[in-house]
PDB file of N, CA and C in Angstrom:
ATOM      1  N   MET A   1     121.687  98.199 107.322  1.00  0.00           N
ATOM      2  CA  MET A   1     121.073  98.983 108.377  1.00  0.00           C
ATOM      3  C   MET A   1     122.157  99.341 109.378  1.00  0.00           C
ATOM      4  N   ILE A   2     122.149 100.582 109.797  1.00  0.00           N
ATOM      5  CA  ILE A   2     123.101 101.013 110.812  1.00  0.00           C
ATOM      6  C   ILE A   2     122.420 100.969 112.183  1.00  0.00           C
ATOM      7  N   GLU A   3     123.233 101.040 113.211  1.00  0.00           N
ATOM      8  CA  GLU A   3     122.732 100.887 114.575  1.00  0.00           C
ATOM      9  C   GLU A   3     121.621 101.878 114.915  1.00  0.00           C
ATOM     10  N   ASP A   4     121.756 103.135 114.512  1.00  0.00           N
ATOM     11  CA  ASP A   4     120.718 104.134 114.825  1.00  0.00           C
ATOM     12  C   ASP A   4     119.371 103.764 114.209  1.00  0.00           C
ATOM     13  N   GLN A   5     119.387 103.233 112.991  1.00  0.00           N
ATOM     14  CA  GLN A   5     118.148 102.815 112.331  1.00  0.00           C
ATOM     15  C   GLN A   5     117.538 101.614 113.056  1.00  0.00           C
ATOM     16  N   ALA A   6     118.386 100.679 113.468  1.00  0.00           N
ATOM     17  CA  ALA A   6     117.895  99.516 114.214  1.00  0.00           C
ATOM     18  C   ALA A   6     117.277  99.955 115.531  1.00  0.00           C
ATOM     19  N   LEU A   7     117.928 100.863 116.214  1.00  0.00           N
ATOM     20  CA  LEU A   7     117.390 101.355 117.487  1.00  0.00           C
ATOM     21  C   LEU A   7     116.056 102.073 117.294  1.00  0.00           C
ATOM     22  N   ALA A   8     115.936 102.835 116.211  1.00  0.00           N
ATOM     23  CA  ALA A   8     114.674 103.533 115.942  1.00  0.00           C
ATOM     24  C   ALA A   8     113.554 102.529 115.681  1.00  0.00           C
ATOM     25  N   ALA A   9     113.843 101.488 114.907  1.00  0.00           N
ATOM     26  CA  ALA A   9     112.830 100.477 114.612  1.00  0.00           C
ATOM     27  C   ALA A   9     112.452  99.708 115.875  1.00  0.00           C
ATOM     28  N   LEU A  10     113.429  99.294 116.642  1.00  0.00           N
ATOM     29  CA  LEU A  10     113.142  98.558 117.874  1.00  0.00           C
ATOM     30  C   LEU A  10     112.380  99.413 118.870  1.00  0.00           C
ATOM     31  N   SER A  11     112.739 100.674 118.955  1.00  0.00           N
ATOM     32  CA  SER A  11     112.034 101.587 119.852  1.00  0.00           C
ATOM     33  C   SER A  11     110.583 101.761 119.428  1.00  0.00           C
ATOM     34  N   ALA A  12     110.357 101.881 118.118  1.00  0.00           N
ATOM     35  CA  ALA A  12     108.993 102.034 117.614  1.00  0.00           C
ATOM     36  C   ALA A  12     108.161 100.800 117.915  1.00  0.00           C
ATOM     37  N   LEU A  13     108.770  99.638 117.872  1.00  0.00           N
ATOM     38  CA  LEU A  13     108.045  98.388 118.110  1.00  0.00           C
ATOM     39  C   LEU A  13     107.913  98.045 119.595  1.00  0.00           C
ATOM     40  N   ALA A  14     108.564  98.819 120.449  1.00  0.00           N
ATOM     41  CA  ALA A  14     108.563  98.543 121.888  1.00  0.00           C
ATOM     42  C   ALA A  14     107.332  99.125 122.581  1.00  0.00           C
ATOM     43  N   ASN A  15     106.238  99.152 121.882  1.00  0.00           N
ATOM     44  CA  ASN A  15     104.963  99.624 122.415  1.00  0.00           C
ATOM     45  C   ASN A  15     103.916  98.605 121.981  1.00  0.00           C
ATOM     46  N   PRO A  16     103.068  98.159 122.891  1.00  0.00           N
ATOM     47  CA  PRO A  16     102.110  97.107 122.529  1.00  0.00           C
ATOM     48  C   PRO A  16     101.188  97.468 121.364  1.00  0.00           C
ATOM     49  N   THR A  17     100.737  98.695 121.303  1.00  0.00           N
ATOM     50  CA  THR A  17      99.831  99.098 120.223  1.00  0.00           C
ATOM     51  C   THR A  17     100.559  99.143 118.891  1.00  0.00           C
ATOM     52  N   ARG A  18     101.764  99.697 118.891  1.00  0.00           N
ATOM     53  CA  ARG A  18     102.523  99.769 117.641  1.00  0.00           C
ATOM     54  C   ARG A  18     102.950  98.384 117.176  1.00  0.00           C
ATOM     55  N   LEU A  19     103.329  97.521 118.099  1.00  0.00           N
ATOM     56  CA  LEU A  19     103.691  96.167 117.729  1.00  0.00           C
ATOM     57  C   LEU A  19     102.491  95.432 117.134  1.00  0.00           C
ATOM     58  N   ALA A  20     101.339  95.571 117.763  1.00  0.00           N
ATOM     59  CA  ALA A  20     100.113  94.931 117.242  1.00  0.00           C
ATOM     60  C   ALA A  20      99.761  95.489 115.867  1.00  0.00           C
ATOM     61  N   THR A  21      99.903  96.779 115.691  1.00  0.00           N
ATOM     62  CA  THR A  21      99.618  97.420 114.400  1.00  0.00           C
ATOM     63  C   THR A  21     100.545  96.870 113.324  1.00  0.00           C
ATOM     64  N   PHE A  22     101.823  96.834 113.628  1.00  0.00           N
ATOM     65  CA  PHE A  22     102.801  96.357 112.652  1.00  0.00           C
ATOM     66  C   PHE A  22     102.561  94.887 112.310  1.00  0.00           C
ATOM     67  N   ARG A  23     102.328  94.067 113.301  1.00  0.00           N
ATOM     68  CA  ARG A  23     102.096  92.637 113.047  1.00  0.00           C
ATOM     69  C   ARG A  23     100.837  92.427 112.204  1.00  0.00           C
ATOM     70  N   LEU A  24      99.799  93.216 112.462  1.00  0.00           N
ATOM     71  CA  LEU A  24      98.575  93.123 111.667  1.00  0.00           C
ATOM     72  C   LEU A  24      98.853  93.508 110.212  1.00  0.00           C
ATOM     73  N   LEU A  25      99.620  94.560 110.024  1.00  0.00           N
ATOM     74  CA  LEU A  25      99.955  94.980 108.659  1.00  0.00           C
ATOM     75  C   LEU A  25     100.823  93.947 107.942  1.00  0.00           C
ATOM     76  N   VAL A  26     101.733  93.309 108.663  1.00  0.00           N
ATOM     77  CA  VAL A  26     102.563  92.261 108.055  1.00  0.00           C
ATOM     78  C   VAL A  26     101.673  91.122 107.563  1.00  0.00           C
ATOM     79  N   ARG A  27     100.665  90.769 108.345  1.00  0.00           N
ATOM     80  CA  ARG A  27      99.756  89.686 107.943  1.00  0.00           C
ATOM     81  C   ARG A  27      98.929  90.055 106.720  1.00  0.00           C
ATOM     82  N   HIS A  28      98.794  91.344 106.452  1.00  0.00           N
ATOM     83  CA  HIS A  28      97.979  91.787 105.318  1.00  0.00           C
ATOM     84  C   HIS A  28      98.812  92.298 104.141  1.00  0.00           C
ATOM     85  N   GLU A  29     100.062  91.913 104.107  1.00  0.00           N
ATOM     86  CA  GLU A  29     100.875  92.246 102.939  1.00  0.00           C
ATOM     87  C   GLU A  29     100.529  91.282 101.818  1.00  0.00           C
ATOM     88  N   PRO A  30     100.546  91.707 100.573  1.00  0.00           N
ATOM     89  CA  PRO A  30     101.014  92.992 100.077  1.00  0.00           C
ATOM     90  C   PRO A  30      99.916  94.044  99.913  1.00  0.00           C
ATOM     91  N   GLU A  31      98.658  93.669 100.175  1.00  0.00           N
ATOM     92  CA  GLU A  31      97.569  94.609  99.893  1.00  0.00           C
ATOM     93  C   GLU A  31      97.448  95.740 100.907  1.00  0.00           C
ATOM     94  N   GLY A  32      97.889  95.529 102.152  1.00  0.00           N
ATOM     95  CA  GLY A  32      97.776  96.559 103.177  1.00  0.00           C
ATOM     96  C   GLY A  32      96.361  96.654 103.717  1.00  0.00           C
ATOM     97  N   LEU A  33      96.166  97.595 104.619  1.00  0.00           N
ATOM     98  CA  LEU A  33      94.855  97.841 105.222  1.00  0.00           C
ATOM     99  C   LEU A  33      94.570  99.326 105.236  1.00  0.00           C
ATOM    100  N   SER A  34      93.308  99.672 105.095  1.00  0.00           N
ATOM    101  CA  SER A  34      92.944 101.080 105.207  1.00  0.00           C
ATOM    102  C   SER A  34      93.081 101.505 106.661  1.00  0.00           C
ATOM    103  N   THR A  35      93.264 102.774 106.862  1.00  0.00           N
ATOM    104  CA  THR A  35      93.365 103.305 108.219  1.00  0.00           C
ATOM    105  C   THR A  35      92.096 102.992 109.000  1.00  0.00           C
ATOM    106  N   GLY A  36      90.952 103.090 108.352  1.00  0.00           N
ATOM    107  CA  GLY A  36      89.683 102.773 109.009  1.00  0.00           C
ATOM    108  C   GLY A  36      89.608 101.324 109.454  1.00  0.00           C
ATOM    109  N   ASP A  37      90.095 100.410 108.621  1.00  0.00           N
ATOM    110  CA  ASP A  37      90.118  98.997 108.990  1.00  0.00           C
ATOM    111  C   ASP A  37      91.038  98.754 110.184  1.00  0.00           C
ATOM    112  N   LEU A  38      92.165  99.451 110.213  1.00  0.00           N
ATOM    113  CA  LEU A  38      93.074  99.331 111.349  1.00  0.00           C
ATOM    114  C   LEU A  38      92.416  99.832 112.633  1.00  0.00           C
ATOM    115  N   VAL A  39      91.736 100.970 112.548  1.00  0.00           N
ATOM    116  CA  VAL A  39      91.039 101.535 113.712  1.00  0.00           C
ATOM    117  C   VAL A  39      90.057 100.515 114.270  1.00  0.00           C
ATOM    118  N   GLU A  40      89.286  99.905 113.385  1.00  0.00           N
ATOM    119  CA  GLU A  40      88.292  98.916 113.824  1.00  0.00           C
ATOM    120  C   GLU A  40      88.950  97.668 114.403  1.00  0.00           C
ATOM    121  N   ALA A  41      89.944  97.141 113.719  1.00  0.00           N
ATOM    122  CA  ALA A  41      90.575  95.899 114.154  1.00  0.00           C
ATOM    123  C   ALA A  41      91.291  96.043 115.493  1.00  0.00           C
ATOM    124  N   LEU A  42      91.866  97.221 115.717  1.00  0.00           N
ATOM    125  CA  LEU A  42      92.652  97.444 116.933  1.00  0.00           C
ATOM    126  C   LEU A  42      91.860  98.127 118.047  1.00  0.00           C
ATOM    127  N   HIS A  43      90.610  98.488 117.753  1.00  0.00           N
ATOM    128  CA  HIS A  43      89.733  99.156 118.729  1.00  0.00           C
ATOM    129  C   HIS A  43      90.373 100.434 119.280  1.00  0.00           C
ATOM    130  N   LEU A  44      90.814 101.277 118.341  1.00  0.00           N
ATOM    131  CA  LEU A  44      91.453 102.546 118.689  1.00  0.00           C
ATOM    132  C   LEU A  44      90.662 103.700 118.104  1.00  0.00           C
ATOM    133  N   THR A  45      90.956 104.887 118.578  1.00  0.00           N
ATOM    134  CA  THR A  45      90.402 106.073 117.931  1.00  0.00           C
ATOM    135  C   THR A  45      91.327 106.440 116.768  1.00  0.00           C
ATOM    136  N   GLN A  46      90.793 107.183 115.836  1.00  0.00           N
ATOM    137  CA  GLN A  46      91.576 107.624 114.671  1.00  0.00           C
ATOM    138  C   GLN A  46      92.811 108.411 115.116  1.00  0.00           C
ATOM    139  N   SER A  47      92.641 109.308 116.077  1.00  0.00           N
ATOM    140  CA  SER A  47      93.774 110.138 116.503  1.00  0.00           C
ATOM    141  C   SER A  47      94.850 109.311 117.206  1.00  0.00           C
ATOM    142  N   THR A  48      94.442 108.338 118.009  1.00  0.00           N
ATOM    143  CA  THR A  48      95.422 107.478 118.679  1.00  0.00           C
ATOM    144  C   THR A  48      96.201 106.669 117.651  1.00  0.00           C
ATOM    145  N   LEU A  49      95.494 106.080 116.697  1.00  0.00           N
ATOM    146  CA  LEU A  49      96.169 105.302 115.668  1.00  0.00           C
ATOM    147  C   LEU A  49      97.111 106.177 114.855  1.00  0.00           C
ATOM    148  N   SER A  50      96.689 107.365 114.514  1.00  0.00           N
ATOM    149  CA  SER A  50      97.531 108.275 113.724  1.00  0.00           C
ATOM    150  C   SER A  50      98.848 108.569 114.433  1.00  0.00           C
ATOM    151  N   THR A  51      98.778 108.756 115.741  1.00  0.00           N
ATOM    152  CA  THR A  51      99.988 109.007 116.521  1.00  0.00           C
ATOM    153  C   THR A  51     100.934 107.813 116.429  1.00  0.00           C
ATOM    154  N   HIS A  52     100.408 106.616 116.582  1.00  0.00           N
ATOM    155  CA  HIS A  52     101.231 105.416 116.511  1.00  0.00           C
ATOM    156  C   HIS A  52     101.765 105.183 115.101  1.00  0.00           C
ATOM    157  N   LEU A  53     100.947 105.429 114.093  1.00  0.00           N
ATOM    158  CA  LEU A  53     101.402 105.268 112.710  1.00  0.00           C
ATOM    159  C   LEU A  53     102.547 106.227 112.387  1.00  0.00           C
ATOM    160  N   ALA A  54     102.490 107.423 112.937  1.00  0.00           N
ATOM    161  CA  ALA A  54     103.558 108.406 112.698  1.00  0.00           C
ATOM    162  C   ALA A  54     104.892 107.898 113.238  1.00  0.00           C
ATOM    163  N   VAL A  55     104.870 107.284 114.405  1.00  0.00           N
ATOM    164  CA  VAL A  55     106.100 106.734 114.986  1.00  0.00           C
ATOM    165  C   VAL A  55     106.625 105.595 114.123  1.00  0.00           C
ATOM    166  N   LEU A  56     105.728 104.705 113.709  1.00  0.00           N
ATOM    167  CA  LEU A  56     106.137 103.583 112.859  1.00  0.00           C
ATOM    168  C   LEU A  56     106.655 104.067 111.507  1.00  0.00           C
ATOM    169  N   ALA A  57     106.017 105.070 110.948  1.00  0.00           N
ATOM    170  CA  ALA A  57     106.446 105.613 109.653  1.00  0.00           C
ATOM    171  C   ALA A  57     107.820 106.258 109.764  1.00  0.00           C
ATOM    172  N   LYS A  58     108.052 106.983 110.840  1.00  0.00           N
ATOM    173  CA  LYS A  58     109.349 107.634 111.033  1.00  0.00           C
ATOM    174  C   LYS A  58     110.476 106.604 111.088  1.00  0.00           C
ATOM    175  N   ALA A  59     110.175 105.423 111.630  1.00  0.00           N
ATOM    176  CA  ALA A  59     111.169 104.353 111.715  1.00  0.00           C
ATOM    177  C   ALA A  59     111.237 103.530 110.425  1.00  0.00           C
ATOM    178  N   GLY A  60     110.397 103.855 109.444  1.00  0.00           N
ATOM    179  CA  GLY A  60     110.399 103.134 108.176  1.00  0.00           C
ATOM    180  C   GLY A  60     109.642 101.819 108.203  1.00  0.00           C
ATOM    181  N   LEU A  61     108.849 101.605 109.248  1.00  0.00           N
ATOM    182  CA  LEU A  61     108.135 100.344 109.403  1.00  0.00           C
ATOM    183  C   LEU A  61     106.747 100.352 108.784  1.00  0.00           C
ATOM    184  N   VAL A  62     106.240 101.526 108.442  1.00  0.00           N
ATOM    185  CA  VAL A  62     104.917 101.658 107.825  1.00  0.00           C
ATOM    186  C   VAL A  62     104.987 102.729 106.748  1.00  0.00           C
ATOM    187  N   THR A  63     104.327 102.451 105.638  1.00  0.00           N
ATOM    188  CA  THR A  63     104.170 103.465 104.594  1.00  0.00           C
ATOM    189  C   THR A  63     102.677 103.595 104.298  1.00  0.00           C
ATOM    190  N   ALA A  64     102.300 104.751 103.814  1.00  0.00           N
ATOM    191  CA  ALA A  64     100.901 104.999 103.475  1.00  0.00           C
ATOM    192  C   ALA A  64     100.821 105.405 102.009  1.00  0.00           C
ATOM    193  N   GLU A  65      99.753 104.958 101.370  1.00  0.00           N
ATOM    194  CA  GLU A  65      99.497 105.389  99.998  1.00  0.00           C
ATOM    195  C   GLU A  65      98.015 105.716  99.888  1.00  0.00           C
ATOM    196  N   LYS A  66      97.734 106.696  99.105  1.00  0.00           N
ATOM    197  CA  LYS A  66      96.347 107.106  98.923  1.00  0.00           C
ATOM    198  C   LYS A  66      95.737 106.305  97.779  1.00  0.00           C
ATOM    199  N   ARG A  67      94.608 105.679  98.059  1.00  0.00           N
ATOM    200  CA  ARG A  67      93.833 104.973  97.032  1.00  0.00           C
ATOM    201  C   ARG A  67      92.430 105.532  97.070  1.00  0.00           C
ATOM    202  N   GLY A  68      92.151 106.361  96.111  1.00  0.00           N
ATOM    203  CA  GLY A  68      90.854 107.027  96.111  1.00  0.00           C
ATOM    204  C   GLY A  68      90.740 107.919  97.328  1.00  0.00           C
ATOM    205  N   ARG A  69      89.750 107.651  98.146  1.00  0.00           N
ATOM    206  CA  ARG A  69      89.545 108.454  99.357  1.00  0.00           C
ATOM    207  C   ARG A  69      90.154 107.802 100.593  1.00  0.00           C
ATOM    208  N   GLN A  70      90.774 106.648 100.413  1.00  0.00           N
ATOM    209  CA  GLN A  70      91.321 105.926 101.556  1.00  0.00           C
ATOM    210  C   GLN A  70      92.838 106.037 101.623  1.00  0.00           C
ATOM    211  N   GLN A  71      93.349 105.994 102.850  1.00  0.00           N
ATOM    212  CA  GLN A  71      94.780 105.868 103.074  1.00  0.00           C
ATOM    213  C   GLN A  71      95.036 104.397 103.374  1.00  0.00           C
ATOM    214  N   ILE A  72      95.857 103.765 102.563  1.00  0.00           N
ATOM    215  CA  ILE A  72      96.203 102.367 102.765  1.00  0.00           C
ATOM    216  C   ILE A  72      97.556 102.310 103.463  1.00  0.00           C
ATOM    217  N   GLN A  73      97.573 101.629 104.583  1.00  0.00           N
ATOM    218  CA  GLN A  73      98.798 101.479 105.364  1.00  0.00           C
ATOM    219  C   GLN A  73      99.429 100.140 105.004  1.00  0.00           C
ATOM    220  N   ARG A  74     100.750 100.158 104.820  1.00  0.00           N
ATOM    221  CA  ARG A  74     101.470  98.934 104.460  1.00  0.00           C
ATOM    222  C   ARG A  74     102.677  98.780 105.364  1.00  0.00           C
ATOM    223  N   ALA A  75     102.996  97.547 105.683  1.00  0.00           N
ATOM    224  CA  ALA A  75     104.180  97.252 106.490  1.00  0.00           C
ATOM    225  C   ALA A  75     105.437  97.491 105.665  1.00  0.00           C
ATOM    226  N   GLY A  76     106.437  98.039 106.303  1.00  0.00           N
ATOM    227  CA  GLY A  76     107.732  98.252 105.660  1.00  0.00           C
ATOM    228  C   GLY A  76     108.541  96.965 105.697  1.00  0.00           C
ATOM    229  N   ILE A  77     108.230  96.061 104.794  1.00  0.00           N
ATOM    230  CA  ILE A  77     108.870  94.748 104.782  1.00  0.00           C
ATOM    231  C   ILE A  77     110.376  94.854 104.547  1.00  0.00           C
ATOM    232  N   ASP A  78     110.801  95.790 103.722  1.00  0.00           N
ATOM    233  CA  ASP A  78     112.241  95.963 103.496  1.00  0.00           C
ATOM    234  C   ASP A  78     112.947  96.366 104.787  1.00  0.00           C
ATOM    235  N   THR A  79     112.324  97.256 105.553  1.00  0.00           N
ATOM    236  CA  THR A  79     112.915  97.662 106.832  1.00  0.00           C
ATOM    237  C   THR A  79     112.944  96.477 107.792  1.00  0.00           C
ATOM    238  N   LEU A  80     111.872  95.701 107.826  1.00  0.00           N
ATOM    239  CA  LEU A  80     111.839  94.511 108.674  1.00  0.00           C
ATOM    240  C   LEU A  80     112.956  93.543 108.283  1.00  0.00           C
ATOM    241  N   ARG A  81     113.132  93.330 107.005  1.00  0.00           N
ATOM    242  CA  ARG A  81     114.180  92.427 106.516  1.00  0.00           C
ATOM    243  C   ARG A  81     115.559  92.935 106.923  1.00  0.00           C
ATOM    244  N   ARG A  82     115.795  94.227 106.755  1.00  0.00           N
ATOM    245  CA  ARG A  82     117.089  94.803 107.134  1.00  0.00           C
ATOM    246  C   ARG A  82     117.319  94.709 108.640  1.00  0.00           C
ATOM    247  N   LEU A  83     116.256  94.923 109.425  1.00  0.00           N
ATOM    248  CA  LEU A  83     116.379  94.824 110.885  1.00  0.00           C
ATOM    249  C   LEU A  83     116.707  93.393 111.300  1.00  0.00           C
ATOM    250  N   MET A  84     116.010  92.441 110.726  1.00  0.00           N
ATOM    251  CA  MET A  84     116.259  91.040 111.063  1.00  0.00           C
ATOM    252  C   MET A  84     117.683  90.635 110.677  1.00  0.00           C
ATOM    253  N   THR A  85     118.142  91.094 109.532  1.00  0.00           N
ATOM    254  CA  THR A  85     119.512  90.795 109.105  1.00  0.00           C
ATOM    255  C   THR A  85     120.512  91.438 110.046  1.00  0.00           C
ATOM    256  N   PHE A  86     120.246  92.682 110.436  1.00  0.00           N
ATOM    257  CA  PHE A  86     121.127  93.394 111.368  1.00  0.00           C
ATOM    258  C   PHE A  86     121.233  92.622 112.686  1.00  0.00           C
ATOM    259  N   LEU A  87     120.106  92.144 113.191  1.00  0.00           N
ATOM    260  CA  LEU A  87     120.100  91.443 114.471  1.00  0.00           C
ATOM    261  C   LEU A  87     120.788  90.084 114.395  1.00  0.00           C
ATOM    262  N   ALA A  88     120.666  89.418 113.261  1.00  0.00           N
ATOM    263  CA  ALA A  88     121.201  88.063 113.146  1.00  0.00           C
ATOM    264  C   ALA A  88     122.568  87.991 112.467  1.00  0.00           C
ATOM    265  N   LYS A  89     123.070  89.114 112.013  1.00  0.00           N
ATOM    266  CA  LYS A  89     124.301  89.106 111.210  1.00  0.00           C
ATOM    267  C   LYS A  89     125.464  88.436 111.927  1.00  0.00           C
ATOM    268  N   ASP A  90     125.626  88.679 113.184  1.00  0.00           N
ATOM    269  CA  ASP A  90     126.738  88.098 113.931  1.00  0.00           C
ATOM    270  C   ASP A  90     126.292  86.887 114.737  1.00  0.00           C
ATOM    271  N   CYS A  91     125.163  86.329 114.329  1.00  0.00           N
ATOM    272  CA  CYS A  91     124.568  85.201 115.039  1.00  0.00           C
ATOM    273  C   CYS A  91     125.520  84.020 115.141  1.00  0.00           C
ATOM    274  N   CYS A  92     125.595  83.491 116.299  1.00  0.00           N
ATOM    275  CA  CYS A  92     126.278  82.205 116.517  1.00  0.00           C
ATOM    276  C   CYS A  92     127.739  82.238 116.101  1.00  0.00           C
ATOM    277  N   GLN A  93     128.380  83.367 116.241  1.00  0.00           N
ATOM    278  CA  GLN A  93     129.805  83.527 115.955  1.00  0.00           C
ATOM    279  C   GLN A  93     130.176  83.052 114.554  1.00  0.00           C
ATOM    280  N   GLY A  94     129.279  83.332 113.599  1.00  0.00           N
ATOM    281  CA  GLY A  94     129.553  82.980 112.214  1.00  0.00           C
ATOM    282  C   GLY A  94     129.296  81.520 111.872  1.00  0.00           C
ATOM    283  N   ARG A  95     128.751  80.762 112.794  1.00  0.00           N
ATOM    284  CA  ARG A  95     128.455  79.345 112.550  1.00  0.00           C
ATOM    285  C   ARG A  95     126.993  79.231 112.140  1.00  0.00           C
ATOM    286  N   ALA A  96     126.757  79.255 110.842  1.00  0.00           N
ATOM    287  CA  ALA A  96     125.403  79.300 110.288  1.00  0.00           C
ATOM    288  C   ALA A  96     124.538  78.131 110.739  1.00  0.00           C
ATOM    289  N   GLU A  97     125.133  76.988 110.952  1.00  0.00           N
ATOM    290  CA  GLU A  97     124.336  75.826 111.346  1.00  0.00           C
ATOM    291  C   GLU A  97     123.629  76.032 112.690  1.00  0.00           C
ATOM    292  N   LEU A  98     124.161  76.892 113.527  1.00  0.00           N
ATOM    293  CA  LEU A  98     123.521  77.163 114.809  1.00  0.00           C
ATOM    294  C   LEU A  98     122.253  78.015 114.642  1.00  0.00           C
ATOM    295  N   CYS A  99     122.133  78.691 113.506  1.00  0.00           N
ATOM    296  CA  CYS A  99     120.944  79.505 113.236  1.00  0.00           C
ATOM    297  C   CYS A  99     119.866  78.716 112.495  1.00  0.00           C
ATOM    298  N   GLU A 100     120.150  77.494 112.129  1.00  0.00           N
ATOM    299  CA  GLU A 100     119.179  76.699 111.374  1.00  0.00           C
ATOM    300  C   GLU A 100     117.823  76.566 112.056  1.00  0.00           C
ATOM    301  N   PRO A 101     117.753  76.385 113.393  1.00  0.00           N
ATOM    302  CA  PRO A 101     116.416  76.318 114.022  1.00  0.00           C
ATOM    303  C   PRO A 101     115.598  77.597 113.814  1.00  0.00           C
ATOM    304  N   LEU A 102     116.256  78.736 113.864  1.00  0.00           N
ATOM    305  CA  LEU A 102     115.569  80.006 113.624  1.00  0.00           C
ATOM    306  C   LEU A 102     115.066  80.071 112.188  1.00  0.00           C
ATOM    307  N   LEU A 103     115.906  79.716 111.247  1.00  0.00           N
ATOM    308  CA  LEU A 103     115.511  79.753 109.836  1.00  0.00           C
ATOM    309  C   LEU A 103     114.388  78.774 109.553  1.00  0.00           C
ATOM    310  N   ALA A 104     114.436  77.596 110.182  1.00  0.00           N
ATOM    311  CA  ALA A 104     113.382  76.612 109.991  1.00  0.00           C
ATOM    312  C   ALA A 104     112.044  77.134 110.520  1.00  0.00           C
ATOM    313  N   GLU A 105     112.093  77.808 111.653  1.00  0.00           N
ATOM    314  CA  GLU A 105     110.851  78.365 112.222  1.00  0.00           C
ATOM    315  C   GLU A 105     110.291  79.459 111.320  1.00  0.00           C
ATOM    316  N   LEU A 106     111.141  80.277 110.756  1.00  0.00           N
ATOM    317  CA  LEU A 106     110.683  81.341 109.863  1.00  0.00           C
ATOM    318  C   LEU A 106     110.129  80.780 108.560  1.00  0.00           C
ATOM    319  N   SER A 107     110.698  79.711 108.067  1.00  0.00           N
ATOM    320  CA  SER A 107     110.249  79.170 106.781  1.00  0.00           C
ATOM    321  C   SER A 107     108.907  78.468 106.886  1.00  0.00           C
ATOM    322  N   CYS A 108     108.492  78.099 108.077  1.00  0.00           N
ATOM    323  CA  CYS A 108     107.212  77.405 108.228  1.00  0.00           C
ATOM    324  C   CYS A 108     106.023  78.356 108.105  1.00  0.00           C
ATOM    325  N   CYS A 109     106.261  79.635 108.205  1.00  0.00           N
ATOM    326  CA  CYS A 109     105.162  80.615 108.248  1.00  0.00           C
ATOM    327  C   CYS A 109     104.719  81.085 106.912  1.00  0.00           C
TER     328      CYS A 109
END
């Protein structure tokens, strides 16, 4: 991931609604959620959610696939992985043992 991509992803997530949307989709991987289910869960209108999904999609954090008559939204796990790696790559001045608490917290989930 290059810096511009990281900035786009971080910018997209720097909104409470988009962050909540993305976190909800991450919890529902790999099956994803229909747009209607997202609208209900987040208590948003369809048009408001669509606007937020467009921002997340542009940053590569959400993808949509059509299943029958429904649009299924999925979290961009690969983008999340690349972003996390980008942020932690220079962690602790190359001393991996200093990142162990972070890795331990992630592995518990």
